[in-house]
Amino acid sequence: MGAIDGDKLRGHLETMILSNLEQGEAHGLEILRRLEEAGCGLLRLKEGSLYPALYRLEADGEVEAVWEVESHGRRGARRRIYRLTAKGRGKLADGRAEWGQFVRILGGILGAPA
């Protein structure tokens, strides 16, 4: 199987981010690392896709973000730490239901085993 990127992810990235944050709060690059790790090396995300999705989720109240108090012994700027909100949990539940329906419909069309 080839890399999973771009068009294949469109429409599902926000749900994947919410699911990722269900595991615990994280900064953007940690979210990216977790998603790529969960994708077994086939999932290829770009920061240029991740951060706009995080900003949309934050604007919609589905995640909240706070700045790190300090950089925890590492060099560089403080990071924004994202966490899932109650509204985000609701959107995640809806996204999972939508994904399940999508998989069932396409599986039926393609003749995939149930």
Foldseek 3Di string as FASTA:
>chain_A
DAAQDDPNCPPPLLLLLLVLLVVHKDFQVVSVVVVCVVVVNRYDDDPVVRVVSVVVCCVVVQKPWDWDPDPVPDDDDTTIIIHGDPVVVVVNVVSVVVVVVVCVVVCVVVVPDD
